[in-house]
Amino acid sequence: MTADDFRGELAALFEAASKAGCGTIVVRSGDLHRAVGGYPGTNHWMSMC
């Protein structure tokens, strides 16, 4: 997983929130990492996240 994977997921979250008319969005790092994949796991470092 790369920083671009996280950027892509964030962009998708922002786009969905925008389409839903949300003025704000809360993104928790653990939820983001789960959406991208590999969390939780044996090597679940979140330095890129």
N, C-alpha and C. Protein backbone atom coordinates (compact mmCIF):
# COMPACT_ATOMS: atom_id res chain seq x y z
N MET A 1 0.84 -1.16 0.00
CA MET A 1 0.00 0.00 0.00
C MET A 1 0.89 1.24 0.00
N THR A 2 0.42 2.24 -0.70
CA THR A 2 1.23 3.46 -0.86
C THR A 2 0.44 4.68 -0.38
N ALA A 3 1.14 5.78 -0.30
CA ALA A 3 0.47 7.04 0.06
C ALA A 3 -0.60 7.37 -0.97
N ASP A 4 -0.37 7.02 -2.23
CA ASP A 4 -1.37 7.27 -3.26
C ASP A 4 -2.65 6.47 -3.03
N ASP A 5 -2.53 5.29 -2.45
CA ASP A 5 -3.72 4.50 -2.10
C ASP A 5 -4.57 5.27 -1.09
N PHE A 6 -3.91 5.86 -0.11
CA PHE A 6 -4.63 6.64 0.90
C PHE A 6 -5.23 7.90 0.29
N ARG A 7 -4.47 8.56 -0.57
CA ARG A 7 -4.99 9.76 -1.25
C ARG A 7 -6.22 9.44 -2.08
N GLY A 8 -6.17 8.32 -2.79
CA GLY A 8 -7.31 7.92 -3.61
C GLY A 8 -8.55 7.64 -2.79
N GLU A 9 -8.37 6.95 -1.67
CA GLU A 9 -9.51 6.66 -0.79
C GLU A 9 -10.07 7.94 -0.19
N LEU A 10 -9.19 8.85 0.22
CA LEU A 10 -9.66 10.13 0.75
C LEU A 10 -10.44 10.91 -0.30
N ALA A 11 -9.94 10.92 -1.52
CA ALA A 11 -10.63 11.62 -2.61
C ALA A 11 -12.02 11.03 -2.82
N ALA A 12 -12.12 9.70 -2.76
CA ALA A 12 -13.42 9.05 -2.92
C ALA A 12 -14.36 9.42 -1.77
N LEU A 13 -13.85 9.47 -0.56
CA LEU A 13 -14.67 9.86 0.59
C LEU A 13 -15.15 11.30 0.45
N PHE A 14 -14.26 12.20 0.05
CA PHE A 14 -14.64 13.60 -0.13
C PHE A 14 -15.68 13.76 -1.24
N GLU A 15 -15.51 13.03 -2.32
CA GLU A 15 -16.45 13.09 -3.43
C GLU A 15 -17.83 12.60 -3.01
N ALA A 16 -17.87 11.49 -2.28
CA ALA A 16 -19.15 10.95 -1.80
C ALA A 16 -19.83 11.93 -0.85
N ALA A 17 -19.05 12.54 0.03
CA ALA A 17 -19.62 13.51 0.97
C ALA A 17 -20.15 14.73 0.22
N SER A 18 -19.42 15.18 -0.77
CA SER A 18 -19.85 16.33 -1.56
C SER A 18 -21.16 16.03 -2.30
N LYS A 19 -21.24 14.86 -2.91
CA LYS A 19 -22.46 14.47 -3.62
C LYS A 19 -23.65 14.33 -2.69
N ALA A 20 -23.38 13.97 -1.42
CA ALA A 20 -24.44 13.82 -0.44
C ALA A 20 -24.82 15.16 0.20
N GLY A 21 -24.10 16.22 -0.18
CA GLY A 21 -24.40 17.54 0.35
C GLY A 21 -23.84 17.81 1.73
N CYS A 22 -22.86 17.01 2.15
CA CYS A 22 -22.26 17.20 3.47
C CYS A 22 -21.33 18.41 3.45
N GLY A 23 -21.41 19.21 4.48
CA GLY A 23 -20.52 20.35 4.62
C GLY A 23 -19.23 20.01 5.34
N THR A 24 -19.26 18.92 6.08
CA THR A 24 -18.07 18.46 6.80
C THR A 24 -17.99 16.95 6.70
N ILE A 25 -16.80 16.44 6.98
CA ILE A 25 -16.59 15.00 6.99
C ILE A 25 -15.55 14.70 8.06
N VAL A 26 -15.74 13.61 8.77
CA VAL A 26 -14.79 13.17 9.78
C VAL A 26 -14.18 11.86 9.27
N VAL A 27 -12.87 11.84 9.17
CA VAL A 27 -12.17 10.64 8.72
C VAL A 27 -11.22 10.21 9.83
N ARG A 28 -11.44 9.02 10.34
CA ARG A 28 -10.54 8.48 11.36
C ARG A 28 -9.49 7.62 10.67
N SER A 29 -8.26 7.74 11.12
CA SER A 29 -7.16 7.05 10.45
C SER A 29 -7.37 5.53 10.40
N GLY A 30 -7.87 4.94 11.47
CA GLY A 30 -8.10 3.50 11.48
C GLY A 30 -9.14 3.08 10.45
N ASP A 31 -10.22 3.88 10.33
CA ASP A 31 -11.25 3.58 9.33
C ASP A 31 -10.69 3.72 7.92
N LEU A 32 -9.88 4.74 7.71
CA LEU A 32 -9.26 4.94 6.40
C LEU A 32 -8.36 3.76 6.06
N HIS A 33 -7.57 3.34 7.02
CA HIS A 33 -6.65 2.23 6.78
C HIS A 33 -7.42 0.94 6.51
N ARG A 34 -8.52 0.72 7.21
CA ARG A 34 -9.35 -0.46 6.95
C ARG A 34 -9.91 -0.44 5.53
N ALA A 35 -10.33 0.74 5.08
CA ALA A 35 -10.90 0.87 3.74
C ALA A 35 -9.84 0.60 2.66
N VAL A 36 -8.61 1.04 2.91
CA VAL A 36 -7.54 0.83 1.94
C VAL A 36 -7.10 -0.63 1.97
N GLY A 37 -7.10 -1.23 3.16
CA GLY A 37 -6.76 -2.65 3.30
C GLY A 37 -5.55 -2.86 4.19
N GLY A 38 -5.44 -4.07 4.68
CA GLY A 38 -4.28 -4.45 5.47
C GLY A 38 -4.32 -4.09 6.93
N TYR A 39 -5.48 -3.63 7.42
CA TYR A 39 -5.57 -3.25 8.82
C TYR A 39 -6.83 -3.86 9.40
N PRO A 40 -6.83 -4.46 10.52
CA PRO A 40 -5.63 -4.75 11.30
C PRO A 40 -4.89 -5.95 10.72
N GLY A 41 -3.64 -6.02 10.99
CA GLY A 41 -2.82 -7.11 10.50
C GLY A 41 -1.54 -7.22 11.30
N THR A 42 -0.71 -8.13 10.90
CA THR A 42 0.54 -8.33 11.63
C THR A 42 1.54 -7.21 11.40
N ASN A 43 1.40 -6.50 10.29
CA ASN A 43 2.32 -5.41 9.96
C ASN A 43 1.50 -4.17 9.61
N HIS A 44 0.76 -3.64 10.57
CA HIS A 44 -0.19 -2.57 10.29
C HIS A 44 0.36 -1.19 10.65
N TRP A 45 1.53 -0.89 10.19
CA TRP A 45 2.08 0.44 10.40
C TRP A 45 1.23 1.44 9.63
N MET A 46 1.10 2.61 10.18
CA MET A 46 0.26 3.62 9.55
C MET A 46 1.07 4.85 9.20
N SER A 47 2.33 4.71 8.95
CA SER A 47 3.16 5.89 8.68
C SER A 47 2.68 6.66 7.45
N MET A 48 2.23 5.96 6.42
CA MET A 48 1.72 6.64 5.23
C MET A 48 0.38 7.27 5.49
N CYS A 49 -0.42 6.63 6.33
CA CYS A 49 -1.75 7.14 6.63
C CYS A 49 -1.63 8.41 7.44
